[in-house]
C-alpha atoms as a PDB file:
ATOM      1  CA  MET A   1     -50.584 -27.374  24.869  1.00  0.00           C
ATOM      2  CA  THR A   2     -49.653 -24.802  22.524  1.00  0.00           C
ATOM      3  CA  TYR A   3     -47.092 -24.744  19.784  1.00  0.00           C
ATOM      4  CA  SER A   4     -47.585 -20.928  19.055  1.00  0.00           C
ATOM      5  CA  VAL A   5     -44.215 -20.132  19.943  1.00  0.00           C
ATOM      6  CA  ILE A   6     -42.891 -22.181  16.908  1.00  0.00           C
ATOM      7  CA  ASN A   7     -43.641 -21.075  13.424  1.00  0.00           C
ATOM      8  CA  ILE A   8     -43.265 -23.204  10.229  1.00  0.00           C
ATOM      9  CA  ASP A   9     -43.656 -21.265   7.099  1.00  0.00           C
ATOM     10  CA  ARG A  10     -42.435 -21.991   3.527  1.00  0.00           C
ATOM     11  CA  GLU A  11     -41.766 -18.381   3.125  1.00  0.00           C
ATOM     12  CA  ILE A  12     -39.480 -18.153   6.098  1.00  0.00           C
ATOM     13  CA  LEU A  13     -36.176 -20.158   5.903  1.00  0.00           C
ATOM     14  CA  GLY A  14     -37.737 -22.529   3.315  1.00  0.00           C
ATOM     15  CA  GLY A  15     -40.045 -23.987   6.146  1.00  0.00           C
ATOM     16  CA  THR A  16     -37.296 -24.390   9.106  1.00  0.00           C
ATOM     17  CA  PRO A  17     -38.925 -24.102  12.439  1.00  0.00           C
ATOM     18  CA  VAL A  18     -38.224 -20.779  13.747  1.00  0.00           C
ATOM     19  CA  PHE A  19     -39.391 -18.810  16.973  1.00  0.00           C
ATOM     20  CA  SER A  20     -42.549 -16.993  16.069  1.00  0.00           C
ATOM     21  CA  GLY A  21     -42.141 -13.555  14.987  1.00  0.00           C
ATOM     22  CA  THR A  22     -38.440 -13.857  13.979  1.00  0.00           C
ATOM     23  CA  ARG A  23     -36.099 -15.740  11.611  1.00  0.00           C
ATOM     24  CA  VAL A  24     -34.447 -17.665  14.269  1.00  0.00           C
ATOM     25  CA  PRO A  25     -34.267 -21.327  13.803  1.00  0.00           C
ATOM     26  CA  ILE A  26     -35.311 -23.483  16.921  1.00  0.00           C
ATOM     27  CA  GLN A  27     -32.282 -25.659  16.299  1.00  0.00           C
ATOM     28  CA  VAL A  28     -29.977 -22.813  17.029  1.00  0.00           C
ATOM     29  CA  LEU A  29     -31.210 -23.069  20.559  1.00  0.00           C
ATOM     30  CA  PHE A  30     -30.401 -26.718  20.922  1.00  0.00           C
ATOM     31  CA  ASP A  31     -26.856 -26.106  19.266  1.00  0.00           C
ATOM     32  CA  TYR A  32     -26.211 -23.564  21.899  1.00  0.00           C
ATOM     33  CA  ILE A  33     -27.135 -26.163  24.698  1.00  0.00           C
ATOM     34  CA  GLU A  34     -25.214 -28.873  22.833  1.00  0.00           C
ATOM     35  CA  ASN A  35     -22.006 -26.516  22.828  1.00  0.00           C
ATOM     36  CA  ASN A  36     -22.487 -26.048  26.676  1.00  0.00           C
ATOM     37  CA  GLU A  37     -23.375 -22.538  26.253  1.00  0.00           C
ATOM     38  CA  THR A  38     -26.223 -20.932  28.521  1.00  0.00           C
ATOM     39  CA  LEU A  39     -29.581 -19.767  27.804  1.00  0.00           C
ATOM     40  CA  GLU A  40     -28.403 -16.295  28.742  1.00  0.00           C
ATOM     41  CA  GLU A  41     -25.710 -16.375  26.012  1.00  0.00           C
ATOM     42  CA  PHE A  42     -28.403 -17.538  23.391  1.00  0.00           C
ATOM     43  CA  LEU A  43     -30.748 -14.731  24.381  1.00  0.00           C
ATOM     44  CA  GLU A  44     -27.784 -12.072  24.269  1.00  0.00           C
ATOM     45  CA  ASN A  45     -27.110 -13.084  20.579  1.00  0.00           C
ATOM     46  CA  PHE A  46     -30.658 -13.629  19.587  1.00  0.00           C
ATOM     47  CA  PRO A  47     -32.432 -10.476  21.310  1.00  0.00           C
ATOM     48  CA  SER A  48     -35.720 -11.057  19.063  1.00  0.00           C
ATOM     49  CA  VAL A  49     -36.181 -14.367  21.009  1.00  0.00           C
ATOM     50  CA  SER A  50     -37.581 -13.766  24.417  1.00  0.00           C
ATOM     51  CA  LYS A  51     -36.735 -15.736  27.401  1.00  0.00           C
ATOM     52  CA  GLU A  52     -40.363 -16.826  27.651  1.00  0.00           C
ATOM     53  CA  HIS A  53     -40.360 -18.280  24.314  1.00  0.00           C
ATOM     54  CA  ALA A  54     -37.182 -20.043  24.558  1.00  0.00           C
ATOM     55  CA  LEU A  55     -38.530 -21.857  27.668  1.00  0.00           C
ATOM     56  CA  GLN A  56     -41.457 -22.538  26.128  1.00  0.00           C
ATOM     57  CA  VAL A  57     -39.533 -24.470  23.213  1.00  0.00           C
ATOM     58  CA  LEU A  58     -37.679 -26.390  25.838  1.00  0.00           C
ATOM     59  CA  HIS A  59     -40.733 -27.400  27.448  1.00  0.00           C
ATOM     60  CA  VAL A  60     -42.301 -28.633  24.293  1.00  0.00           C
ATOM     61  CA  ALA A  61     -39.291 -30.546  23.580  1.00  0.00           C
ATOM     62  CA  GLU A  62     -39.295 -31.988  27.197  1.00  0.00           C
ATOM     63  CA  LYS A  63     -42.873 -33.054  26.654  1.00  0.00           C
ATOM     64  CA  PHE A  64     -42.166 -34.706  23.441  1.00  0.00           C
ATOM     65  CA  ILE A  65     -39.121 -36.725  24.495  1.00  0.00           C
ATOM     66  CA  THR A  66     -40.735 -37.652  27.834  1.00  0.00           C
ATOM     67  CA  SER A  67     -43.940 -38.840  26.372  1.00  0.00           C
ATOM     68  CA  GLU A  68     -43.972 -42.614  26.748  1.00  0.00           C
ATOM     69  CA  LYS A  69     -46.585 -42.608  23.577  1.00  0.00           C
ATOM     70  CA  VAL A  70     -44.140 -40.708  21.476  1.00  0.00           C
ATOM     71  CA  LEU A  71     -41.100 -42.616  22.243  1.00  0.00           C
ATOM     72  CA  ASN A  72     -42.874 -45.870  21.709  1.00  0.00           C
ATOM     73  CA  LYS A  73     -44.299 -44.801  18.386  1.00  0.00           C
ATOM     74  CA  ASN A  74     -41.083 -43.138  16.973  1.00  0.00           C
ATOM     75  CA  LEU A  75     -38.420 -45.548  18.763  1.00  0.00           C
ATOM     76  CA  GLY A  76     -40.038 -48.793  19.613  1.00  0.00           C
END
């Protein structure tokens, strides 16, 4: 699995995880979802993020939170 869609660099927003090639924090996507806004609304407001990249980030999050090994290590 590749995480190349996520960039963490101290020179970009102090190391906040962002979509690669942008200054858009990954957290913003989750804020949109939390506020019942659609992926399309997010993409309209952040045109520098491609739909493919947004979906890849969601896939990474899904794999992380559905991994029994990760859950047992962090929540067990």
